[in-house]
C-alpha atoms as a PDB file:
ATOM      1  CA  UNK A   1      26.873  13.126 -19.512  1.00  0.00           C
ATOM      2  CA  UNK A   2      27.592  11.480 -16.367  1.00  0.00           C
ATOM      3  CA  UNK A   3      24.846   9.111 -15.129  1.00  0.00           C
ATOM      4  CA  UNK A   4      24.582   7.854 -11.711  1.00  0.00           C
ATOM      5  CA  UNK A   5      24.189   4.333 -10.444  1.00  0.00           C
ATOM      6  CA  UNK A   6      21.351   5.369  -8.556  1.00  0.00           C
ATOM      7  CA  UNK A   7      19.782   6.859 -11.682  1.00  0.00           C
ATOM      8  CA  UNK A   8      20.284   3.550 -13.423  1.00  0.00           C
ATOM      9  CA  UNK A   9      18.634   1.498 -10.934  1.00  0.00           C
ATOM     10  CA  UNK A  10      15.625   3.940 -10.690  1.00  0.00           C
ATOM     11  CA  UNK A  11      14.956   3.369 -14.405  1.00  0.00           C
ATOM     12  CA  UNK A  12      15.691  -0.553 -14.301  1.00  0.00           C
ATOM     13  CA  UNK A  13      12.422  -0.686 -12.145  1.00  0.00           C
ATOM     14  CA  UNK A  14      10.404  -0.238 -15.518  1.00  0.00           C
ATOM     15  CA  UNK A  15      11.895  -3.066 -17.466  1.00  0.00           C
ATOM     16  CA  UNK A  16      12.046  -5.226 -14.448  1.00  0.00           C
ATOM     17  CA  UNK A  17       8.348  -4.711 -13.775  1.00  0.00           C
ATOM     18  CA  UNK A  18       7.231  -5.288 -17.492  1.00  0.00           C
ATOM     19  CA  UNK A  19       9.687  -8.363 -17.792  1.00  0.00           C
ATOM     20  CA  UNK A  20       7.788  -9.898 -14.972  1.00  0.00           C
ATOM     21  CA  UNK A  21       4.391  -9.102 -16.169  1.00  0.00           C
ATOM     22  CA  UNK A  22       5.531 -10.528 -19.543  1.00  0.00           C
ATOM     23  CA  UNK A  23       6.841 -13.550 -17.950  1.00  0.00           C
ATOM     24  CA  UNK A  24       3.791 -14.225 -16.147  1.00  0.00           C
ATOM     25  CA  UNK A  25       1.118 -13.269 -18.989  1.00  0.00           C
ATOM     26  CA  UNK A  26       3.032 -15.687 -21.025  1.00  0.00           C
ATOM     27  CA  UNK A  27       1.517 -18.608 -18.753  1.00  0.00           C
ATOM     28  CA  UNK A  28      -2.039 -17.239 -18.714  1.00  0.00           C
ATOM     29  CA  UNK A  29      -4.945 -16.875 -21.127  1.00  0.00           C
ATOM     30  CA  UNK A  30      -4.579 -13.140 -21.954  1.00  0.00           C
ATOM     31  CA  UNK A  31      -7.788 -13.177 -23.945  1.00  0.00           C
ATOM     32  CA  UNK A  32      -9.921 -14.703 -21.161  1.00  0.00           C
ATOM     33  CA  UNK A  33      -8.238 -12.139 -18.862  1.00  0.00           C
ATOM     34  CA  UNK A  34      -9.282  -9.288 -21.058  1.00  0.00           C
ATOM     35  CA  UNK A  35     -12.715 -10.726 -21.525  1.00  0.00           C
ATOM     36  CA  UNK A  36     -13.165 -10.823 -17.680  1.00  0.00           C
ATOM     37  CA  UNK A  37     -12.064  -7.211 -17.209  1.00  0.00           C
ATOM     38  CA  UNK A  38     -14.582  -6.305 -19.821  1.00  0.00           C
ATOM     39  CA  UNK A  39     -17.378  -7.951 -17.962  1.00  0.00           C
ATOM     40  CA  UNK A  40     -16.469  -6.298 -14.696  1.00  0.00           C
ATOM     41  CA  UNK A  41     -19.230  -4.587 -13.347  1.00  0.00           C
ATOM     42  CA  UNK A  42     -19.098  -0.692 -13.353  1.00  0.00           C
ATOM     43  CA  UNK A  43     -20.951  -0.440 -10.000  1.00  0.00           C
ATOM     44  CA  UNK A  44     -18.491  -2.605  -8.271  1.00  0.00           C
ATOM     45  CA  UNK A  45     -15.397  -0.658  -9.906  1.00  0.00           C
ATOM     46  CA  UNK A  46     -17.068   2.701  -8.592  1.00  0.00           C
ATOM     47  CA  UNK A  47     -17.438   1.091  -4.840  1.00  0.00           C
ATOM     48  CA  UNK A  48     -13.819  -0.180  -5.292  1.00  0.00           C
ATOM     49  CA  UNK A  49     -12.700   3.494  -6.078  1.00  0.00           C
ATOM     50  CA  UNK A  50     -14.631   4.797  -3.132  1.00  0.00           C
ATOM     51  CA  UNK A  51     -13.155   2.375  -0.858  1.00  0.00           C
ATOM     52  CA  UNK A  52      -9.758   3.043  -2.048  1.00  0.00           C
ATOM     53  CA  UNK A  53     -10.327   6.890  -1.710  1.00  0.00           C
ATOM     54  CA  UNK A  54     -11.419   6.339   1.843  1.00  0.00           C
ATOM     55  CA  UNK A  55      -8.204   4.634   2.539  1.00  0.00           C
ATOM     56  CA  UNK A  56      -6.320   7.369   1.254  1.00  0.00           C
ATOM     57  CA  UNK A  57      -8.058   9.872   3.385  1.00  0.00           C
ATOM     58  CA  UNK A  58      -7.547   7.831   6.609  1.00  0.00           C
ATOM     59  CA  UNK A  59      -3.876   7.723   5.536  1.00  0.00           C
ATOM     60  CA  UNK A  60      -3.733  11.518   5.338  1.00  0.00           C
ATOM     61  CA  UNK A  61      -5.500  11.888   8.836  1.00  0.00           C
ATOM     62  CA  UNK A  62      -2.927   9.564  10.061  1.00  0.00           C
ATOM     63  CA  UNK A  63       0.100  11.465   8.514  1.00  0.00           C
ATOM     64  CA  UNK A  64      -1.669  14.756  10.222  1.00  0.00           C
ATOM     65  CA  UNK A  65      -2.016  13.045  13.690  1.00  0.00           C
ATOM     66  CA  UNK A  66       1.493  12.116  13.572  1.00  0.00           C
ATOM     67  CA  UNK A  67       2.740  15.768  12.703  1.00  0.00           C
ATOM     68  CA  UNK A  68       0.046  17.044  15.472  1.00  0.00           C
ATOM     69  CA  UNK A  69       2.013  14.729  17.901  1.00  0.00           C
ATOM     70  CA  UNK A  70       5.101  16.307  16.994  1.00  0.00           C
ATOM     71  CA  UNK A  71       3.901  19.773  17.531  1.00  0.00           C
ATOM     72  CA  UNK A  72       3.174  20.448  13.777  1.00  0.00           C
ATOM     73  CA  UNK A  73       0.153  21.689  12.357  1.00  0.00           C
ATOM     74  CA  UNK A  74      -0.869  20.424   8.680  1.00  0.00           C
ATOM     75  CA  UNK A  75      -3.992  21.921   6.944  1.00  0.00           C
ATOM     76  CA  UNK A  76      -6.195  18.920   5.682  1.00  0.00           C
ATOM     77  CA  UNK A  77      -6.516  19.917   2.171  1.00  0.00           C
ATOM     78  CA  UNK A  78      -2.623  20.620   1.806  1.00  0.00           C
ATOM     79  CA  UNK A  79      -2.284  17.296   3.299  1.00  0.00           C
ATOM     80  CA  UNK A  80      -4.643  15.552   0.898  1.00  0.00           C
ATOM     81  CA  UNK A  81      -2.989  17.273  -2.093  1.00  0.00           C
ATOM     82  CA  UNK A  82       0.532  16.407  -0.681  1.00  0.00           C
ATOM     83  CA  UNK A  83      -0.573  12.849  -0.352  1.00  0.00           C
ATOM     84  CA  UNK A  84      -1.781  12.451  -3.911  1.00  0.00           C
ATOM     85  CA  UNK A  85       1.178  13.896  -5.407  1.00  0.00           C
ATOM     86  CA  UNK A  86       3.475  11.760  -3.196  1.00  0.00           C
ATOM     87  CA  UNK A  87       1.407   8.809  -4.599  1.00  0.00           C
ATOM     88  CA  UNK A  88       1.972  10.160  -8.174  1.00  0.00           C
ATOM     89  CA  UNK A  89       5.608   9.966  -7.615  1.00  0.00           C
ATOM     90  CA  UNK A  90       5.892   6.600  -6.180  1.00  0.00           C
ATOM     91  CA  UNK A  91       3.986   5.335  -9.172  1.00  0.00           C
ATOM     92  CA  UNK A  92       4.457   7.372 -12.307  1.00  0.00           C
ATOM     93  CA  UNK A  93       7.480   9.501 -12.115  1.00  0.00           C
ATOM     94  CA  UNK A  94      11.052   7.684 -12.201  1.00  0.00           C
ATOM     95  CA  UNK A  95      12.634   9.697  -9.513  1.00  0.00           C
ATOM     96  CA  UNK A  96      14.833   8.569  -6.932  1.00  0.00           C
ATOM     97  CA  UNK A  97      13.282  10.737  -4.420  1.00  0.00           C
ATOM     98  CA  UNK A  98      10.374   8.519  -4.001  1.00  0.00           C
ATOM     99  CA  UNK A  99       6.760   9.849  -2.391  1.00  0.00           C
ATOM    100  CA  UNK A 100       7.686   9.855   1.217  1.00  0.00           C
ATOM    101  CA  UNK A 101      11.004  11.508   0.513  1.00  0.00           C
ATOM    102  CA  UNK A 102       8.946  14.339  -1.627  1.00  0.00           C
ATOM    103  CA  UNK A 103       6.889  14.996   1.267  1.00  0.00           C
ATOM    104  CA  UNK A 104       9.970  15.655   3.603  1.00  0.00           C
ATOM    105  CA  UNK A 105      11.675  17.561   1.122  1.00  0.00           C
ATOM    106  CA  UNK A 106       8.442  19.954   0.391  1.00  0.00           C
ATOM    107  CA  UNK A 107       7.570  20.477   4.159  1.00  0.00           C
ATOM    108  CA  UNK A 108      11.376  21.338   4.665  1.00  0.00           C
ATOM    109  CA  UNK A 109      11.501  23.792   1.741  1.00  0.00           C
ATOM    110  CA  UNK A 110       7.950  25.389   2.551  1.00  0.00           C
ATOM    111  CA  UNK A 111       7.705  25.376   6.396  1.00  0.00           C
ATOM    112  CA  UNK A 112      11.624  24.863   7.443  1.00  0.00           C
ATOM    113  CA  UNK A 113      10.480  21.634   9.446  1.00  0.00           C
ATOM    114  CA  UNK A 114      13.762  19.495   9.956  1.00  0.00           C
ATOM    115  CA  UNK A 115      14.026  16.833   7.695  1.00  0.00           C
ATOM    116  CA  UNK A 116      15.264  14.464  10.300  1.00  0.00           C
ATOM    117  CA  UNK A 117      11.768  14.671  12.002  1.00  0.00           C
ATOM    118  CA  UNK A 118       9.949  14.333   8.644  1.00  0.00           C
ATOM    119  CA  UNK A 119      11.970  11.119   7.991  1.00  0.00           C
ATOM    120  CA  UNK A 120      11.141   9.678  11.477  1.00  0.00           C
ATOM    121  CA  UNK A 121       7.457  10.661  10.987  1.00  0.00           C
ATOM    122  CA  UNK A 122       7.222   8.703   7.565  1.00  0.00           C
ATOM    123  CA  UNK A 123       9.086   5.657   8.873  1.00  0.00           C
ATOM    124  CA  UNK A 124       6.796   5.809  12.029  1.00  0.00           C
ATOM    125  CA  UNK A 125       3.803   5.777   9.385  1.00  0.00           C
ATOM    126  CA  UNK A 126       5.156   2.930   7.196  1.00  0.00           C
ATOM    127  CA  UNK A 127       6.127   0.790  10.306  1.00  0.00           C
ATOM    128  CA  UNK A 128       2.722   1.082  11.923  1.00  0.00           C
ATOM    129  CA  UNK A 129       0.915   0.150   8.805  1.00  0.00           C
ATOM    130  CA  UNK A 130       3.085  -2.639   8.188  1.00  0.00           C
ATOM    131  CA  UNK A 131       2.514  -4.090  11.843  1.00  0.00           C
ATOM    132  CA  UNK A 132      -1.428  -4.002  11.029  1.00  0.00           C
ATOM    133  CA  UNK A 133      -0.682  -5.727   7.656  1.00  0.00           C
ATOM    134  CA  UNK A 134       1.263  -8.537   9.227  1.00  0.00           C
ATOM    135  CA  UNK A 135      -1.428  -8.951  12.073  1.00  0.00           C
ATOM    136  CA  UNK A 136      -4.041  -9.089   9.318  1.00  0.00           C
ATOM    137  CA  UNK A 137      -2.170 -12.025   7.717  1.00  0.00           C
ATOM    138  CA  UNK A 138      -1.954 -13.747  10.855  1.00  0.00           C
ATOM    139  CA  UNK A 139      -5.896 -13.498  11.650  1.00  0.00           C
ATOM    140  CA  UNK A 140      -6.801 -14.482   8.065  1.00  0.00           C
ATOM    141  CA  UNK A 141      -4.678 -17.698   8.417  1.00  0.00           C
ATOM    142  CA  UNK A 142      -7.088 -19.886  10.357  1.00  0.00           C
ATOM    143  CA  UNK A 143      -9.862 -19.120   7.892  1.00  0.00           C
ATOM    144  CA  UNK A 144      -7.708 -20.062   4.712  1.00  0.00           C
ATOM    145  CA  UNK A 145      -6.313 -23.458   6.654  1.00  0.00           C
ATOM    146  CA  UNK A 146      -9.288 -24.349   8.608  1.00  0.00           C
ATOM    147  CA  UNK A 147      -8.363 -28.065   8.626  1.00  0.00           C
ATOM    148  CA  UNK A 148      -5.090 -26.977  10.461  1.00  0.00           C
ATOM    149  CA  UNK A 149      -6.903 -24.979  13.265  1.00  0.00           C
ATOM    150  CA  UNK A 150      -6.343 -27.057  16.537  1.00  0.00           C
ATOM    151  CA  UNK A 151      -5.287 -25.524  20.005  1.00  0.00           C
ATOM    152  CA  UNK A 152      -1.509 -25.777  19.143  1.00  0.00           C
ATOM    153  CA  UNK A 153      -1.772 -23.902  15.882  1.00  0.00           C
ATOM    154  CA  UNK A 154      -3.824 -21.141  17.421  1.00  0.00           C
ATOM    155  CA  UNK A 155      -1.433 -20.897  20.266  1.00  0.00           C
ATOM    156  CA  UNK A 156       1.458 -20.586  17.792  1.00  0.00           C
ATOM    157  CA  UNK A 157      -0.411 -17.885  15.916  1.00  0.00           C
ATOM    158  CA  UNK A 158      -1.081 -16.162  19.020  1.00  0.00           C
ATOM    159  CA  UNK A 159       2.406 -16.142  20.208  1.00  0.00           C
ATOM    160  CA  UNK A 160       3.755 -15.014  16.877  1.00  0.00           C
ATOM    161  CA  UNK A 161       1.568 -12.247  16.882  1.00  0.00           C
ATOM    162  CA  UNK A 162       2.537 -11.166  20.625  1.00  0.00           C
ATOM    163  CA  UNK A 163       6.226 -11.580  19.561  1.00  0.00           C
ATOM    164  CA  UNK A 164       5.841  -9.506  16.565  1.00  0.00           C
ATOM    165  CA  UNK A 165       3.969  -6.757  18.476  1.00  0.00           C
ATOM    166  CA  UNK A 166       6.442  -7.047  21.211  1.00  0.00           C
ATOM    167  CA  UNK A 167       9.371  -6.873  18.816  1.00  0.00           C
ATOM    168  CA  UNK A 168       7.616  -3.803  17.315  1.00  0.00           C
ATOM    169  CA  UNK A 169       7.209  -1.835  20.610  1.00  0.00           C
ATOM    170  CA  UNK A 170      10.259  -2.956  22.410  1.00  0.00           C
ATOM    171  CA  UNK A 171      12.798  -2.901  19.874  1.00  0.00           C
ATOM    172  CA  UNK A 172      11.756  -1.145  16.879  1.00  0.00           C
ATOM    173  CA  UNK A 173      10.301   1.897  18.427  1.00  0.00           C
ATOM    174  CA  UNK A 174      13.260   2.890  20.598  1.00  0.00           C
ATOM    175  CA  UNK A 175      15.278   2.600  17.411  1.00  0.00           C
ATOM    176  CA  UNK A 176      13.091   5.051  15.677  1.00  0.00           C
ATOM    177  CA  UNK A 177      12.652   7.111  19.079  1.00  0.00           C
ATOM    178  CA  UNK A 178       8.869   6.885  18.892  1.00  0.00           C
ATOM    179  CA  UNK A 179       6.539   7.611  21.686  1.00  0.00           C
ATOM    180  CA  UNK A 180       4.571   4.158  22.406  1.00  0.00           C
ATOM    181  CA  UNK A 181       1.419   6.061  23.445  1.00  0.00           C
ATOM    182  CA  UNK A 182       1.446   7.858  19.887  1.00  0.00           C
ATOM    183  CA  UNK A 183       1.812   4.389  18.203  1.00  0.00           C
ATOM    184  CA  UNK A 184      -1.221   3.029  20.190  1.00  0.00           C
ATOM    185  CA  UNK A 185      -3.256   5.863  19.004  1.00  0.00           C
ATOM    186  CA  UNK A 186      -2.010   5.444  15.588  1.00  0.00           C
ATOM    187  CA  UNK A 187      -3.057   2.051  15.047  1.00  0.00           C
ATOM    188  CA  UNK A 188      -6.863   2.690  14.708  1.00  0.00           C
ATOM    189  CA  UNK A 189      -5.693   4.778  11.571  1.00  0.00           C
ATOM    190  CA  UNK A 190      -3.709   2.128  10.142  1.00  0.00           C
ATOM    191  CA  UNK A 191      -6.618  -0.620  10.679  1.00  0.00           C
ATOM    192  CA  UNK A 192      -8.907   1.776   8.760  1.00  0.00           C
ATOM    193  CA  UNK A 193      -6.182   2.077   5.850  1.00  0.00           C
ATOM    194  CA  UNK A 194      -5.820  -1.865   5.515  1.00  0.00           C
ATOM    195  CA  UNK A 195      -9.470  -2.527   6.116  1.00  0.00           C
ATOM    196  CA  UNK A 196     -10.631  -0.265   3.265  1.00  0.00           C
ATOM    197  CA  UNK A 197      -7.821  -1.552   1.234  1.00  0.00           C
ATOM    198  CA  UNK A 198      -9.247  -4.874   1.616  1.00  0.00           C
ATOM    199  CA  UNK A 199     -12.640  -3.778   0.872  1.00  0.00           C
ATOM    200  CA  UNK A 200     -11.390  -2.275  -2.262  1.00  0.00           C
ATOM    201  CA  UNK A 201     -10.073  -5.779  -3.465  1.00  0.00           C
ATOM    202  CA  UNK A 202     -13.198  -7.315  -2.427  1.00  0.00           C
ATOM    203  CA  UNK A 203     -15.302  -4.891  -4.498  1.00  0.00           C
ATOM    204  CA  UNK A 204     -13.311  -5.798  -7.466  1.00  0.00           C
ATOM    205  CA  UNK A 205     -13.352  -9.667  -6.484  1.00  0.00           C
ATOM    206  CA  UNK A 206     -17.217  -9.567  -6.405  1.00  0.00           C
ATOM    207  CA  UNK A 207     -17.549  -7.438  -9.364  1.00  0.00           C
ATOM    208  CA  UNK A 208     -15.508 -10.011 -11.377  1.00  0.00           C
ATOM    209  CA  UNK A 209     -18.357 -12.729 -10.152  1.00  0.00           C
ATOM    210  CA  UNK A 210     -15.331 -14.706  -8.980  1.00  0.00           C
ATOM    211  CA  UNK A 211     -15.720 -17.730  -6.848  1.00  0.00           C
ATOM    212  CA  UNK A 212     -13.814 -19.482  -4.091  1.00  0.00           C
ATOM    213  CA  UNK A 213     -12.631 -18.509  -0.646  1.00  0.00           C
ATOM    214  CA  UNK A 214     -12.576 -14.741  -0.003  1.00  0.00           C
ATOM    215  CA  UNK A 215     -10.173 -15.369   2.939  1.00  0.00           C
ATOM    216  CA  UNK A 216      -7.642 -16.789   0.674  1.00  0.00           C
ATOM    217  CA  UNK A 217      -7.717 -13.993  -1.591  1.00  0.00           C
ATOM    218  CA  UNK A 218      -7.496 -11.375   1.377  1.00  0.00           C
ATOM    219  CA  UNK A 219      -4.284 -13.242   2.566  1.00  0.00           C
ATOM    220  CA  UNK A 220      -2.825 -13.283  -1.010  1.00  0.00           C
ATOM    221  CA  UNK A 221      -3.797  -9.585  -1.224  1.00  0.00           C
ATOM    222  CA  UNK A 222      -1.889  -8.739   2.083  1.00  0.00           C
ATOM    223  CA  UNK A 223       0.993 -10.877   1.195  1.00  0.00           C
ATOM    224  CA  UNK A 224       1.361  -9.262  -2.179  1.00  0.00           C
ATOM    225  CA  UNK A 225       1.212  -5.755  -0.504  1.00  0.00           C
ATOM    226  CA  UNK A 226       4.271  -6.820   1.536  1.00  0.00           C
ATOM    227  CA  UNK A 227       6.061  -8.221  -1.514  1.00  0.00           C
ATOM    228  CA  UNK A 228       5.154  -4.945  -3.406  1.00  0.00           C
ATOM    229  CA  UNK A 229       7.406  -2.985  -0.952  1.00  0.00           C
ATOM    230  CA  UNK A 230      10.473  -4.326  -2.328  1.00  0.00           C
ATOM    231  CA  UNK A 231      12.032  -1.577  -4.443  1.00  0.00           C
ATOM    232  CA  UNK A 232      12.631  -3.368  -7.541  1.00  0.00           C
ATOM    233  CA  UNK A 233       9.604  -2.195  -9.670  1.00  0.00           C
ATOM    234  CA  UNK A 234       7.230   0.734 -10.241  1.00  0.00           C
ATOM    235  CA  UNK A 235       4.697   0.537  -7.371  1.00  0.00           C
ATOM    236  CA  UNK A 236       5.046  -2.982  -7.039  1.00  0.00           C
ATOM    237  CA  UNK A 237       3.940  -3.800 -10.414  1.00  0.00           C
ATOM    238  CA  UNK A 238       4.909  -7.372 -11.252  1.00  0.00           C
ATOM    239  CA  UNK A 239       5.714  -8.608  -7.812  1.00  0.00           C
ATOM    240  CA  UNK A 240       2.038  -8.444  -6.626  1.00  0.00           C
ATOM    241  CA  UNK A 241       0.871 -10.294  -9.596  1.00  0.00           C
ATOM    242  CA  UNK A 242       3.620 -12.891  -9.005  1.00  0.00           C
ATOM    243  CA  UNK A 243       2.515 -13.213  -5.626  1.00  0.00           C
ATOM    244  CA  UNK A 244      -1.009 -13.973  -6.293  1.00  0.00           C
ATOM    245  CA  UNK A 245      -0.425 -16.277  -9.078  1.00  0.00           C
ATOM    246  CA  UNK A 246       2.183 -18.603  -7.290  1.00  0.00           C
ATOM    247  CA  UNK A 247       0.557 -17.972  -3.892  1.00  0.00           C
ATOM    248  CA  UNK A 248      -2.739 -19.179  -5.422  1.00  0.00           C
ATOM    249  CA  UNK A 249      -0.797 -22.471  -6.395  1.00  0.00           C
ATOM    250  CA  UNK A 250       0.659 -22.869  -3.029  1.00  0.00           C
ATOM    251  CA  UNK A 251      -2.638 -22.320  -1.141  1.00  0.00           C
ATOM    252  CA  UNK A 252      -4.493 -24.851  -3.556  1.00  0.00           C
ATOM    253  CA  UNK A 253      -1.703 -27.232  -2.958  1.00  0.00           C
ATOM    254  CA  UNK A 254      -1.940 -27.045   0.921  1.00  0.00           C
ATOM    255  CA  UNK A 255      -5.675 -27.183   1.046  1.00  0.00           C
ATOM    256  CA  UNK A 256      -6.113 -29.552  -1.828  1.00  0.00           C
ATOM    257  CA  UNK A 257      -9.559 -27.740  -2.810  1.00  0.00           C
ATOM    258  CA  UNK A 258      -8.489 -25.814  -5.667  1.00  0.00           C
ATOM    259  CA  UNK A 259     -10.726 -22.787  -4.408  1.00  0.00           C
ATOM    260  CA  UNK A 260      -8.346 -20.077  -5.408  1.00  0.00           C
ATOM    261  CA  UNK A 261      -8.096 -19.197  -9.248  1.00  0.00           C
ATOM    262  CA  UNK A 262      -4.740 -17.997 -10.282  1.00  0.00           C
ATOM    263  CA  UNK A 263      -5.793 -16.150 -13.250  1.00  0.00           C
ATOM    264  CA  UNK A 264      -8.525 -14.262 -11.059  1.00  0.00           C
ATOM    265  CA  UNK A 265      -5.991 -13.205  -8.569  1.00  0.00           C
ATOM    266  CA  UNK A 266      -3.579 -11.801 -10.964  1.00  0.00           C
ATOM    267  CA  UNK A 267      -6.664  -9.804 -12.698  1.00  0.00           C
ATOM    268  CA  UNK A 268      -7.711  -8.600  -9.331  1.00  0.00           C
ATOM    269  CA  UNK A 269      -4.195  -7.346  -8.704  1.00  0.00           C
ATOM    270  CA  UNK A 270      -3.776  -5.765 -12.135  1.00  0.00           C
ATOM    271  CA  UNK A 271      -7.278  -3.865 -11.356  1.00  0.00           C
ATOM    272  CA  UNK A 272      -6.153  -2.925  -7.839  1.00  0.00           C
ATOM    273  CA  UNK A 273      -3.020  -1.239  -9.618  1.00  0.00           C
ATOM    274  CA  UNK A 274      -4.909   0.383 -12.280  1.00  0.00           C
ATOM    275  CA  UNK A 275      -7.107   2.063  -9.570  1.00  0.00           C
ATOM    276  CA  UNK A 276      -3.981   3.137  -7.699  1.00  0.00           C
ATOM    277  CA  UNK A 277      -2.644   4.533 -11.066  1.00  0.00           C
ATOM    278  CA  UNK A 278      -5.964   6.491 -11.852  1.00  0.00           C
ATOM    279  CA  UNK A 279      -5.955   7.982  -8.183  1.00  0.00           C
ATOM    280  CA  UNK A 280      -2.252   8.923  -8.599  1.00  0.00           C
ATOM    281  CA  UNK A 281      -3.230  10.858 -11.869  1.00  0.00           C
ATOM    282  CA  UNK A 282      -5.148  13.289  -9.229  1.00  0.00           C
ATOM    283  CA  UNK A 283      -1.637  14.205  -8.105  1.00  0.00           C
ATOM    284  CA  UNK A 284      -0.597  15.288 -11.533  1.00  0.00           C
ATOM    285  CA  UNK A 285      -3.440  18.086 -11.345  1.00  0.00           C
ATOM    286  CA  UNK A 286      -2.005  19.121  -7.737  1.00  0.00           C
ATOM    287  CA  UNK A 287       1.891  18.838  -8.720  1.00  0.00           C
ATOM    288  CA  UNK A 288       2.291  22.466  -9.360  1.00  0.00           C
ATOM    289  CA  UNK A 289      -0.263  24.040  -7.028  1.00  0.00           C
ATOM    290  CA  UNK A 290       1.029  22.177  -4.162  1.00  0.00           C
ATOM    291  CA  UNK A 291       4.332  24.055  -4.406  1.00  0.00           C
ATOM    292  CA  UNK A 292       2.541  27.333  -4.096  1.00  0.00           C
ATOM    293  CA  UNK A 293       0.679  26.389  -1.062  1.00  0.00           C
ATOM    294  CA  UNK A 294       1.493  26.506   2.825  1.00  0.00           C
ATOM    295  CA  UNK A 295       1.121  23.456   4.943  1.00  0.00           C
ATOM    296  CA  UNK A 296      -0.881  25.551   7.372  1.00  0.00           C
ATOM    297  CA  UNK A 297      -3.229  26.986   4.887  1.00  0.00           C
ATOM    298  CA  UNK A 298      -3.620  25.983   1.224  1.00  0.00           C
ATOM    299  CA  UNK A 299      -4.875  29.629   0.109  1.00  0.00           C
ATOM    300  CA  UNK A 300      -1.647  31.211   1.536  1.00  0.00           C
ATOM    301  CA  UNK A 301       1.340  31.569  -0.742  1.00  0.00           C
ATOM    302  CA  UNK A 302       4.525  30.585   0.285  1.00  0.00           C
ATOM    303  CA  UNK A 303       6.767  33.553   1.662  1.00  0.00           C
ATOM    304  CA  UNK A 304       9.974  33.596  -0.483  1.00  0.00           C
ATOM    305  CA  UNK A 305      11.636  36.223   1.317  1.00  0.00           C
END
């Protein structure tokens, strides 16, 4: 049986993720981590799950808006099911297609929507969210390093933010053949997605009775989200935890306060992955029903003729 290089690379994501986690956990008190996880308040877990779900719903509304701006109508419930199935693909299944690719493939199959347009929409969705993610990091820095805040550093942060936004609007969007007006209209959706993702993390942080600087954990969380985009593990597992652990050490060294507990950061990251995984399992329920639905009406079977 011939095995492609792509298949090997996909399956390697699992051992890479577990190797990173194993290496990291070997440096931590696993028993203490487990005890902290058991002491986590159930109320805050539910609150985190609610915040995460809201962030996913906003992501669905953003996707629908992009398709609407491209003269395509998506039924909300269909989109919600498609989104969770794609989330399931991204985290659970060892397939090379990925969640975004699955969306494009299914919409092309069911509604004959051009794959090229679908790929463009998925890229625009990702880049719009990445812009907000980067700007959030910029906004958080002054709160993490207040001693370094002065007119010069503030001017540098503002300049970097403006340059980043300018590169996005002037360079990247023409490459993606995007409508700038639509990108501005998509920003509130992306802010909502990132905002409720941060609230999810903060709910877990509070539920653990963690102490220290919340802004530092937000900075690490956003940085870990970017690190998790590197496609060498499943769902960023391992990479996010490494970012939390070593990032906490860097922040403590720079601020000389030691307000960020690396172990708490790792535990928060693992709990975030657990919430994402549990949510992704909803996609398993809809995995087969979505193939019999129609993008404009979830109750209408696809015409196979």
